[in-house]
């Protein structure tokens, strides 16, 4: 199963969107990876939301790219708030145990 995850950096007031089959590992890597990466400059990252998107890696990549291309904090915050999802995002299912 692939997941779209949303991280937030309080120190930089930024969101980061990624996809993975292991969200916990992804969060650890963003918080512990070496210097020189985008996410290393904005630590610590806090997991704000996880959405399951099925078994298709290509679909997970398309959804991640779609969200990133919006370049909008308000768009990501709307996703996190639970607005009805349409289009390519309609197949996302919020993973409940990660909600704030």
PDB file of N, CA and C in Angstrom:
ATOM      1  N   UNK A   1       0.841  -1.181   0.000  1.00  0.00           N
ATOM      2  CA  UNK A   1       0.000   0.000   0.000  1.00  0.00           C
ATOM      3  C   UNK A   1       0.886   1.245   0.000  1.00  0.00           C
ATOM      4  N   UNK A   2       0.539   2.199  -0.840  1.00  0.00           N
ATOM      5  CA  UNK A   2       1.259   3.475  -0.890  1.00  0.00           C
ATOM      6  C   UNK A   2       0.462   4.539  -0.154  1.00  0.00           C
ATOM      7  N   UNK A   3       1.195   5.443   0.454  1.00  0.00           N
ATOM      8  CA  UNK A   3       0.592   6.523   1.230  1.00  0.00           C
ATOM      9  C   UNK A   3       1.179   7.863   0.795  1.00  0.00           C
ATOM     10  N   UNK A   4       0.334   8.877   0.808  1.00  0.00           N
ATOM     11  CA  UNK A   4       0.770  10.261   0.674  1.00  0.00           C
ATOM     12  C   UNK A   4       0.839  10.789   2.104  1.00  0.00           C
ATOM     13  N   UNK A   5       1.959  11.415   2.456  1.00  0.00           N
ATOM     14  CA  UNK A   5       2.065  11.970   3.802  1.00  0.00           C
ATOM     15  C   UNK A   5       2.407  13.452   3.719  1.00  0.00           C
ATOM     16  N   UNK A   6       1.959  14.168   4.735  1.00  0.00           N
ATOM     17  CA  UNK A   6       2.190  15.607   4.814  1.00  0.00           C
ATOM     18  C   UNK A   6       2.907  15.899   6.121  1.00  0.00           C
ATOM     19  N   UNK A   7       4.062  16.540   5.993  1.00  0.00           N
ATOM     20  CA  UNK A   7       4.868  16.929   7.148  1.00  0.00           C
ATOM     21  C   UNK A   7       4.793  18.443   7.309  1.00  0.00           C
ATOM     22  N   UNK A   8       5.021  18.911   8.537  1.00  0.00           N
ATOM     23  CA  UNK A   8       5.046  20.343   8.794  1.00  0.00           C
ATOM     24  C   UNK A   8       6.269  20.689   9.625  1.00  0.00           C
ATOM     25  N   UNK A   9       6.923  21.784   9.247  1.00  0.00           N
ATOM     26  CA  UNK A   9       8.065  22.314   9.993  1.00  0.00           C
ATOM     27  C   UNK A   9       7.618  23.585  10.710  1.00  0.00           C
ATOM     28  N   UNK A  10       7.555  23.528  12.042  1.00  0.00           N
ATOM     29  CA  UNK A  10       7.188  24.714  12.810  1.00  0.00           C
ATOM     30  C   UNK A  10       8.269  25.783  12.701  1.00  0.00           C
ATOM     31  N   UNK A  11       9.520  25.362  12.626  1.00  0.00           N
ATOM     32  CA  UNK A  11      10.624  26.335  12.576  1.00  0.00           C
ATOM     33  C   UNK A  11      10.617  27.144  11.282  1.00  0.00           C
ATOM     34  N   UNK A  12      10.150  26.568  10.193  1.00  0.00           N
ATOM     35  CA  UNK A  12      10.130  27.259   8.901  1.00  0.00           C
ATOM     36  C   UNK A  12       8.726  27.578   8.412  1.00  0.00           C
ATOM     37  N   UNK A  13       7.710  27.092   9.142  1.00  0.00           N
ATOM     38  CA  UNK A  13       6.317  27.290   8.745  1.00  0.00           C
ATOM     39  C   UNK A  13       6.071  26.777   7.317  1.00  0.00           C
ATOM     40  N   UNK A  14       6.565  25.567   7.053  1.00  0.00           N
ATOM     41  CA  UNK A  14       6.469  24.947   5.727  1.00  0.00           C
ATOM     42  C   UNK A  14       5.836  23.568   5.819  1.00  0.00           C
ATOM     43  N   UNK A  15       5.159  23.189   4.731  1.00  0.00           N
ATOM     44  CA  UNK A  15       4.670  21.828   4.566  1.00  0.00           C
ATOM     45  C   UNK A  15       5.554  21.097   3.575  1.00  0.00           C
ATOM     46  N   UNK A  16       5.628  19.786   3.729  1.00  0.00           N
ATOM     47  CA  UNK A  16       6.330  18.927   2.776  1.00  0.00           C
ATOM     48  C   UNK A  16       5.404  17.760   2.470  1.00  0.00           C
ATOM     49  N   UNK A  17       5.294  17.406   1.211  1.00  0.00           N
ATOM     50  CA  UNK A  17       4.444  16.294   0.773  1.00  0.00           C
ATOM     51  C   UNK A  17       5.329  15.221   0.166  1.00  0.00           C
ATOM     52  N   UNK A  18       5.088  13.973   0.558  1.00  0.00           N
ATOM     53  CA  UNK A  18       5.838  12.854  -0.002  1.00  0.00           C
ATOM     54  C   UNK A  18       4.940  11.632  -0.122  1.00  0.00           C
ATOM     55  N   UNK A  19       5.510  10.563  -0.675  1.00  0.00           N
ATOM     56  CA  UNK A  19       4.780   9.293  -0.735  1.00  0.00           C
ATOM     57  C   UNK A  19       5.713   8.192  -0.285  1.00  0.00           C
ATOM     58  N   UNK A  20       5.141   7.115   0.247  1.00  0.00           N
ATOM     59  CA  UNK A  20       5.947   6.013   0.758  1.00  0.00           C
ATOM     60  C   UNK A  20       5.050   4.811   1.041  1.00  0.00           C
ATOM     61  N   UNK A  21       5.683   3.653   1.168  1.00  0.00           N
ATOM     62  CA  UNK A  21       4.965   2.474   1.656  1.00  0.00           C
ATOM     63  C   UNK A  21       5.144   2.362   3.177  1.00  0.00           C
ATOM     64  N   UNK A  22       6.091   3.111   3.735  1.00  0.00           N
ATOM     65  CA  UNK A  22       6.368   3.088   5.175  1.00  0.00           C
ATOM     66  C   UNK A  22       6.507   4.526   5.658  1.00  0.00           C
ATOM     67  N   UNK A  23       5.415   5.092   6.105  1.00  0.00           N
ATOM     68  CA  UNK A  23       5.380   6.500   6.494  1.00  0.00           C
ATOM     69  C   UNK A  23       6.314   6.776   7.668  1.00  0.00           C
ATOM     70  N   UNK A  24       6.323   5.897   8.671  1.00  0.00           N
ATOM     71  CA  UNK A  24       7.187   6.113   9.836  1.00  0.00           C
ATOM     72  C   UNK A  24       8.656   6.199   9.427  1.00  0.00           C
ATOM     73  N   UNK A  25       9.065   5.329   8.533  1.00  0.00           N
ATOM     74  CA  UNK A  25      10.443   5.366   8.038  1.00  0.00           C
ATOM     75  C   UNK A  25      10.698   6.667   7.281  1.00  0.00           C
ATOM     76  N   UNK A  26       9.749   7.085   6.470  1.00  0.00           N
ATOM     77  CA  UNK A  26       9.889   8.335   5.722  1.00  0.00           C
ATOM     78  C   UNK A  26      10.086   9.533   6.639  1.00  0.00           C
ATOM     79  N   UNK A  27       9.290   9.611   7.700  1.00  0.00           N
ATOM     80  CA  UNK A  27       9.407  10.716   8.651  1.00  0.00           C
ATOM     81  C   UNK A  27      10.778  10.679   9.332  1.00  0.00           C
ATOM     82  N   UNK A  28      11.195   9.501   9.754  1.00  0.00           N
ATOM     83  CA  UNK A  28      12.527   9.377  10.389  1.00  0.00           C
ATOM     84  C   UNK A  28      13.623   9.825   9.442  1.00  0.00           C
ATOM     85  N   UNK A  29      13.537   9.418   8.181  1.00  0.00           N
ATOM     86  CA  UNK A  29      14.571   9.800   7.218  1.00  0.00           C
ATOM     87  C   UNK A  29      14.615  11.309   7.011  1.00  0.00           C
ATOM     88  N   UNK A  30      13.460  11.952   6.962  1.00  0.00           N
ATOM     89  CA  UNK A  30      13.449  13.412   6.795  1.00  0.00           C
ATOM     90  C   UNK A  30      14.040  14.110   8.018  1.00  0.00           C
ATOM     91  N   UNK A  31      13.852  13.531   9.181  1.00  0.00           N
ATOM     92  CA  UNK A  31      14.362  14.148  10.402  1.00  0.00           C
ATOM     93  C   UNK A  31      15.798  13.764  10.726  1.00  0.00           C
ATOM     94  N   UNK A  32      16.336  12.721  10.092  1.00  0.00           N
ATOM     95  CA  UNK A  32      17.671  12.237  10.452  1.00  0.00           C
ATOM     96  C   UNK A  32      18.667  12.170   9.302  1.00  0.00           C
ATOM     97  N   UNK A  33      18.230  12.421   8.064  1.00  0.00           N
ATOM     98  CA  UNK A  33      19.136  12.283   6.923  1.00  0.00           C
ATOM     99  C   UNK A  33      20.262  13.311   6.995  1.00  0.00           C
ATOM    100  N   UNK A  34      21.288  13.100   6.187  1.00  0.00           N
ATOM    101  CA  UNK A  34      22.444  13.995   6.163  1.00  0.00           C
ATOM    102  C   UNK A  34      22.087  15.403   5.740  1.00  0.00           C
ATOM    103  N   UNK A  35      23.048  16.282   5.877  1.00  0.00           N
ATOM    104  CA  UNK A  35      22.854  17.686   5.501  1.00  0.00           C
ATOM    105  C   UNK A  35      22.792  17.826   3.982  1.00  0.00           C
ATOM    106  N   UNK A  36      22.312  18.965   3.532  1.00  0.00           N
ATOM    107  CA  UNK A  36      22.300  19.251   2.104  1.00  0.00           C
ATOM    108  C   UNK A  36      21.001  18.914   1.402  1.00  0.00           C
ATOM    109  N   UNK A  37      20.041  18.343   2.102  1.00  0.00           N
ATOM    110  CA  UNK A  37      18.757  18.062   1.479  1.00  0.00           C
ATOM    111  C   UNK A  37      17.773  19.172   1.842  1.00  0.00           C
ATOM    112  N   UNK A  38      16.706  19.296   1.073  1.00  0.00           N
ATOM    113  CA  UNK A  38      15.698  20.316   1.371  1.00  0.00           C
ATOM    114  C   UNK A  38      15.163  20.135   2.783  1.00  0.00           C
ATOM    115  N   UNK A  39      14.795  18.895   3.123  1.00  0.00           N
ATOM    116  CA  UNK A  39      14.152  18.689   4.422  1.00  0.00           C
ATOM    117  C   UNK A  39      15.121  18.827   5.590  1.00  0.00           C
ATOM    118  N   UNK A  40      16.415  18.644   5.358  1.00  0.00           N
ATOM    119  CA  UNK A  40      17.377  18.772   6.468  1.00  0.00           C
ATOM    120  C   UNK A  40      17.464  20.212   6.964  1.00  0.00           C
ATOM    121  N   UNK A  41      17.124  21.156   6.118  1.00  0.00           N
ATOM    122  CA  UNK A  41      17.240  22.578   6.473  1.00  0.00           C
ATOM    123  C   UNK A  41      16.056  23.085   7.294  1.00  0.00           C
ATOM    124  N   UNK A  42      15.015  22.270   7.412  1.00  0.00           N
ATOM    125  CA  UNK A  42      13.783  22.747   8.045  1.00  0.00           C
ATOM    126  C   UNK A  42      13.328  21.846   9.192  1.00  0.00           C
ATOM    127  N   UNK A  43      14.229  21.128   9.793  1.00  0.00           N
ATOM    128  CA  UNK A  43      13.883  20.211  10.887  1.00  0.00           C
ATOM    129  C   UNK A  43      13.502  20.963  12.149  1.00  0.00           C
ATOM    130  N   UNK A  44      12.751  20.326  13.019  1.00  0.00           N
ATOM    131  CA  UNK A  44      12.166  18.992  12.927  1.00  0.00           C
ATOM    132  C   UNK A  44      10.851  19.014  12.145  1.00  0.00           C
ATOM    133  N   UNK A  45      10.527  17.878  11.546  1.00  0.00           N
ATOM    134  CA  UNK A  45       9.286  17.698  10.800  1.00  0.00           C
ATOM    135  C   UNK A  45       8.292  16.935  11.663  1.00  0.00           C
ATOM    136  N   UNK A  46       7.047  17.361  11.606  1.00  0.00           N
ATOM    137  CA  UNK A  46       5.964  16.718  12.350  1.00  0.00           C
ATOM    138  C   UNK A  46       4.966  16.173  11.340  1.00  0.00           C
ATOM    139  N   UNK A  47       4.542  14.947  11.531  1.00  0.00           N
ATOM    140  CA  UNK A  47       3.556  14.330  10.643  1.00  0.00           C
ATOM    141  C   UNK A  47       2.184  14.945  10.898  1.00  0.00           C
ATOM    142  N   UNK A  48       1.584  15.524   9.866  1.00  0.00           N
ATOM    143  CA  UNK A  48       0.283  16.174   9.994  1.00  0.00           C
ATOM    144  C   UNK A  48      -0.844  15.376   9.368  1.00  0.00           C
ATOM    145  N   UNK A  49      -0.553  14.549   8.380  1.00  0.00           N
ATOM    146  CA  UNK A  49      -1.615  13.785   7.745  1.00  0.00           C
ATOM    147  C   UNK A  49      -1.080  12.676   6.863  1.00  0.00           C
ATOM    148  N   UNK A  50      -1.849  11.613   6.772  1.00  0.00           N
ATOM    149  CA  UNK A  50      -1.507  10.471   5.919  1.00  0.00           C
ATOM    150  C   UNK A  50      -2.765  10.052   5.179  1.00  0.00           C
ATOM    151  N   UNK A  51      -2.615   9.797   3.882  1.00  0.00           N
ATOM    152  CA  UNK A  51      -3.711   9.360   3.042  1.00  0.00           C
ATOM    153  C   UNK A  51      -3.278   8.096   2.306  1.00  0.00           C
ATOM    154  N   UNK A  52      -4.082   7.055   2.344  1.00  0.00           N
ATOM    155  CA  UNK A  52      -3.777   5.864   1.555  1.00  0.00           C
ATOM    156  C   UNK A  52      -4.235   6.118   0.127  1.00  0.00           C
ATOM    157  N   UNK A  53      -3.445   5.591  -0.826  1.00  0.00           N
ATOM    158  CA  UNK A  53      -3.805   5.816  -2.234  1.00  0.00           C
ATOM    159  C   UNK A  53      -3.659   4.553  -3.074  1.00  0.00           C
ATOM    160  N   UNK A  54      -3.646   3.389  -2.447  1.00  0.00           N
ATOM    161  CA  UNK A  54      -3.676   2.140  -3.187  1.00  0.00           C
ATOM    162  C   UNK A  54      -2.322   1.513  -3.432  1.00  0.00           C
ATOM    163  N   UNK A  55      -2.311   0.544  -4.325  1.00  0.00           N
ATOM    164  CA  UNK A  55      -1.123  -0.272  -4.585  1.00  0.00           C
ATOM    165  C   UNK A  55      -0.287   0.205  -5.769  1.00  0.00           C
ATOM    166  N   UNK A  56      -0.711   1.236  -6.438  1.00  0.00           N
ATOM    167  CA  UNK A  56      -0.063   1.696  -7.659  1.00  0.00           C
ATOM    168  C   UNK A  56       0.936   2.816  -7.368  1.00  0.00           C
ATOM    169  N   UNK A  57       2.219   2.508  -7.488  1.00  0.00           N
ATOM    170  CA  UNK A  57       3.266   3.497  -7.203  1.00  0.00           C
ATOM    171  C   UNK A  57       3.178   4.698  -8.145  1.00  0.00           C
ATOM    172  N   UNK A  58       2.892   4.450  -9.413  1.00  0.00           N
ATOM    173  CA  UNK A  58       2.791   5.539 -10.387  1.00  0.00           C
ATOM    174  C   UNK A  58       1.672   6.503  -9.999  1.00  0.00           C
ATOM    175  N   UNK A  59       0.569   5.986  -9.489  1.00  0.00           N
ATOM    176  CA  UNK A  59      -0.523   6.834  -9.049  1.00  0.00           C
ATOM    177  C   UNK A  59      -0.091   7.672  -7.843  1.00  0.00           C
ATOM    178  N   UNK A  60       0.578   7.053  -6.894  1.00  0.00           N
ATOM    179  CA  UNK A  60       1.072   7.792  -5.723  1.00  0.00           C
ATOM    180  C   UNK A  60       1.999   8.923  -6.157  1.00  0.00           C
ATOM    181  N   UNK A  61       2.853   8.652  -7.120  1.00  0.00           N
ATOM    182  CA  UNK A  61       3.773   9.677  -7.617  1.00  0.00           C
ATOM    183  C   UNK A  61       3.001  10.814  -8.302  1.00  0.00           C
ATOM    184  N   UNK A  62       1.971  10.470  -9.081  1.00  0.00           N
ATOM    185  CA  UNK A  62       1.171  11.504  -9.754  1.00  0.00           C
ATOM    186  C   UNK A  62       0.438  12.387  -8.748  1.00  0.00           C
ATOM    187  N   UNK A  63      -0.112  11.761  -7.709  1.00  0.00           N
ATOM    188  CA  UNK A  63      -0.831  12.533  -6.691  1.00  0.00           C
ATOM    189  C   UNK A  63       0.128  13.445  -5.938  1.00  0.00           C
ATOM    190  N   UNK A  64       1.286  12.917  -5.557  1.00  0.00           N
ATOM    191  CA  UNK A  64       2.291  13.737  -4.872  1.00  0.00           C
ATOM    192  C   UNK A  64       2.677  14.935  -5.747  1.00  0.00           C
ATOM    193  N   UNK A  65       2.940  14.682  -7.005  1.00  0.00           N
ATOM    194  CA  UNK A  65       3.337  15.751  -7.937  1.00  0.00           C
ATOM    195  C   UNK A  65       2.212  16.771  -8.087  1.00  0.00           C
ATOM    196  N   UNK A  66       0.972  16.303  -8.186  1.00  0.00           N
ATOM    197  CA  UNK A  66      -0.171  17.205  -8.318  1.00  0.00           C
ATOM    198  C   UNK A  66      -0.257  18.146  -7.115  1.00  0.00           C
ATOM    199  N   UNK A  67      -0.134  17.585  -5.917  1.00  0.00           N
ATOM    200  CA  UNK A  67      -0.220  18.412  -4.706  1.00  0.00           C
ATOM    201  C   UNK A  67       0.925  19.418  -4.666  1.00  0.00           C
ATOM    202  N   UNK A  68       2.139  18.970  -4.977  1.00  0.00           N
ATOM    203  CA  UNK A  68       3.296  19.870  -4.949  1.00  0.00           C
ATOM    204  C   UNK A  68       3.165  20.983  -5.987  1.00  0.00           C
ATOM    205  N   UNK A  69       2.600  20.669  -7.146  1.00  0.00           N
ATOM    206  CA  UNK A  69       2.464  21.677  -8.202  1.00  0.00           C
ATOM    207  C   UNK A  69       1.479  22.783  -7.834  1.00  0.00           C
ATOM    208  N   UNK A  70       0.627  22.534  -6.865  1.00  0.00           N
ATOM    209  CA  UNK A  70      -0.315  23.574  -6.433  1.00  0.00           C
ATOM    210  C   UNK A  70       0.430  24.725  -5.751  1.00  0.00           C
ATOM    211  N   UNK A  71       1.589  24.417  -5.155  1.00  0.00           N
ATOM    212  CA  UNK A  71       2.409  25.433  -4.471  1.00  0.00           C
ATOM    213  C   UNK A  71       1.561  26.312  -3.559  1.00  0.00           C
ATOM    214  N   UNK A  72       0.721  25.656  -2.770  1.00  0.00           N
ATOM    215  CA  UNK A  72      -0.232  26.405  -1.969  1.00  0.00           C
ATOM    216  C   UNK A  72      -0.367  25.812  -0.569  1.00  0.00           C
ATOM    217  N   UNK A  73      -0.011  26.611   0.407  1.00  0.00           N
ATOM    218  CA  UNK A  73      -0.178  26.201   1.802  1.00  0.00           C
ATOM    219  C   UNK A  73      -1.667  26.025   2.111  1.00  0.00           C
ATOM    220  N   UNK A  74      -2.501  26.923   1.593  1.00  0.00           N
ATOM    221  CA  UNK A  74      -3.935  26.823   1.868  1.00  0.00           C
ATOM    222  C   UNK A  74      -4.537  25.567   1.238  1.00  0.00           C
ATOM    223  N   UNK A  75      -4.022  25.136   0.093  1.00  0.00           N
ATOM    224  CA  UNK A  75      -4.490  23.896  -0.538  1.00  0.00           C
ATOM    225  C   UNK A  75      -4.177  22.703   0.373  1.00  0.00           C
ATOM    226  N   UNK A  76      -2.963  22.655   0.894  1.00  0.00           N
ATOM    227  CA  UNK A  76      -2.568  21.549   1.782  1.00  0.00           C
ATOM    228  C   UNK A  76      -3.375  21.595   3.071  1.00  0.00           C
ATOM    229  N   UNK A  77      -3.577  22.778   3.621  1.00  0.00           N
ATOM    230  CA  UNK A  77      -4.364  22.892   4.853  1.00  0.00           C
ATOM    231  C   UNK A  77      -5.809  22.469   4.614  1.00  0.00           C
ATOM    232  N   UNK A  78      -6.339  22.728   3.430  1.00  0.00           N
ATOM    233  CA  UNK A  78      -7.689  22.269   3.093  1.00  0.00           C
ATOM    234  C   UNK A  78      -7.732  20.740   3.049  1.00  0.00           C
ATOM    235  N   UNK A  79      -6.699  20.119   2.459  1.00  0.00           N
ATOM    236  CA  UNK A  79      -6.630  18.654   2.448  1.00  0.00           C
ATOM    237  C   UNK A  79      -6.652  18.111   3.877  1.00  0.00           C
ATOM    238  N   UNK A  80      -5.868  18.733   4.735  1.00  0.00           N
ATOM    239  CA  UNK A  80      -5.770  18.280   6.119  1.00  0.00           C
ATOM    240  C   UNK A  80      -7.058  18.511   6.908  1.00  0.00           C
ATOM    241  N   UNK A  81      -7.827  19.516   6.505  1.00  0.00           N
ATOM    242  CA  UNK A  81      -9.053  19.840   7.248  1.00  0.00           C
ATOM    243  C   UNK A  81     -10.204  18.903   6.914  1.00  0.00           C
ATOM    244  N   UNK A  82     -10.048  18.130   5.850  1.00  0.00           N
ATOM    245  CA  UNK A  82     -11.084  17.153   5.522  1.00  0.00           C
ATOM    246  C   UNK A  82     -12.097  17.606   4.490  1.00  0.00           C
ATOM    247  N   UNK A  83     -11.763  18.611   3.684  1.00  0.00           N
ATOM    248  CA  UNK A  83     -12.687  19.023   2.622  1.00  0.00           C
ATOM    249  C   UNK A  83     -12.916  17.838   1.676  1.00  0.00           C
ATOM    250  N   UNK A  84     -14.074  17.779   1.037  1.00  0.00           N
ATOM    251  CA  UNK A  84     -14.313  16.705   0.065  1.00  0.00           C
ATOM    252  C   UNK A  84     -13.279  16.777  -1.067  1.00  0.00           C
ATOM    253  N   UNK A  85     -12.729  15.634  -1.429  1.00  0.00           N
ATOM    254  CA  UNK A  85     -11.698  15.571  -2.447  1.00  0.00           C
ATOM    255  C   UNK A  85     -12.303  15.207  -3.790  1.00  0.00           C
ATOM    256  N   UNK A  86     -11.813  15.861  -4.839  1.00  0.00           N
ATOM    257  CA  UNK A  86     -12.320  15.612  -6.181  1.00  0.00           C
ATOM    258  C   UNK A  86     -11.151  15.356  -7.121  1.00  0.00           C
ATOM    259  N   UNK A  87     -11.471  14.989  -8.357  1.00  0.00           N
ATOM    260  CA  UNK A  87     -10.435  14.759  -9.358  1.00  0.00           C
ATOM    261  C   UNK A  87      -9.498  13.643  -8.952  1.00  0.00           C
ATOM    262  N   UNK A  88      -8.209  13.842  -9.205  1.00  0.00           N
ATOM    263  CA  UNK A  88      -7.208  12.826  -8.895  1.00  0.00           C
ATOM    264  C   UNK A  88      -7.141  12.539  -7.399  1.00  0.00           C
ATOM    265  N   UNK A  89      -7.541  13.500  -6.577  1.00  0.00           N
ATOM    266  CA  UNK A  89      -7.474  13.326  -5.122  1.00  0.00           C
ATOM    267  C   UNK A  89      -8.655  12.541  -4.559  1.00  0.00           C
ATOM    268  N   UNK A  90      -9.693  12.308  -5.357  1.00  0.00           N
ATOM    269  CA  UNK A  90     -10.906  11.646  -4.873  1.00  0.00           C
ATOM    270  C   UNK A  90     -10.637  10.245  -4.347  1.00  0.00           C
ATOM    271  N   UNK A  91      -9.593   9.598  -4.813  1.00  0.00           N
ATOM    272  CA  UNK A  91      -9.313   8.232  -4.366  1.00  0.00           C
ATOM    273  C   UNK A  91      -8.520   8.155  -3.071  1.00  0.00           C
ATOM    274  N   UNK A  92      -8.108   9.309  -2.540  1.00  0.00           N
ATOM    275  CA  UNK A  92      -7.364   9.316  -1.283  1.00  0.00           C
ATOM    276  C   UNK A  92      -8.293   9.033  -0.109  1.00  0.00           C
ATOM    277  N   UNK A  93      -7.778   8.272   0.856  1.00  0.00           N
ATOM    278  CA  UNK A  93      -8.522   7.961   2.071  1.00  0.00           C
ATOM    279  C   UNK A  93      -7.653   8.366   3.242  1.00  0.00           C
ATOM    280  N   UNK A  94      -8.163   9.260   4.084  1.00  0.00           N
ATOM    281  CA  UNK A  94      -7.391   9.721   5.255  1.00  0.00           C
ATOM    282  C   UNK A  94      -7.199   8.561   6.214  1.00  0.00           C
ATOM    283  N   UNK A  95      -5.989   8.384   6.694  1.00  0.00           N
ATOM    284  CA  UNK A  95      -5.687   7.356   7.684  1.00  0.00           C
ATOM    285  C   UNK A  95      -5.996   7.965   9.050  1.00  0.00           C
ATOM    286  N   UNK A  96      -7.048   7.491   9.727  1.00  0.00           N
ATOM    287  CA  UNK A  96      -7.579   8.168  10.909  1.00  0.00           C
ATOM    288  C   UNK A  96      -6.624   8.310  12.087  1.00  0.00           C
ATOM    289  N   UNK A  97      -5.776   7.360  12.345  1.00  0.00           N
ATOM    290  CA  UNK A  97      -4.959   7.419  13.572  1.00  0.00           C
ATOM    291  C   UNK A  97      -3.895   8.510  13.530  1.00  0.00           C
ATOM    292  N   UNK A  98      -3.766   9.224  12.434  1.00  0.00           N
ATOM    293  CA  UNK A  98      -2.750  10.262  12.319  1.00  0.00           C
ATOM    294  C   UNK A  98      -3.363  11.650  12.514  1.00  0.00           C
ATOM    295  N   UNK A  99      -4.666  11.736  12.563  1.00  0.00           N
ATOM    296  CA  UNK A  99      -5.313  13.043  12.700  1.00  0.00           C
ATOM    297  C   UNK A  99      -4.902  13.705  14.000  1.00  0.00           C
ATOM    298  N   UNK A 100      -4.855  15.045  13.955  1.00  0.00           N
ATOM    299  CA  UNK A 100      -4.507  15.819  15.161  1.00  0.00           C
ATOM    300  C   UNK A 100      -5.607  15.727  16.194  1.00  0.00           C
TER     301      UNK A 100
END
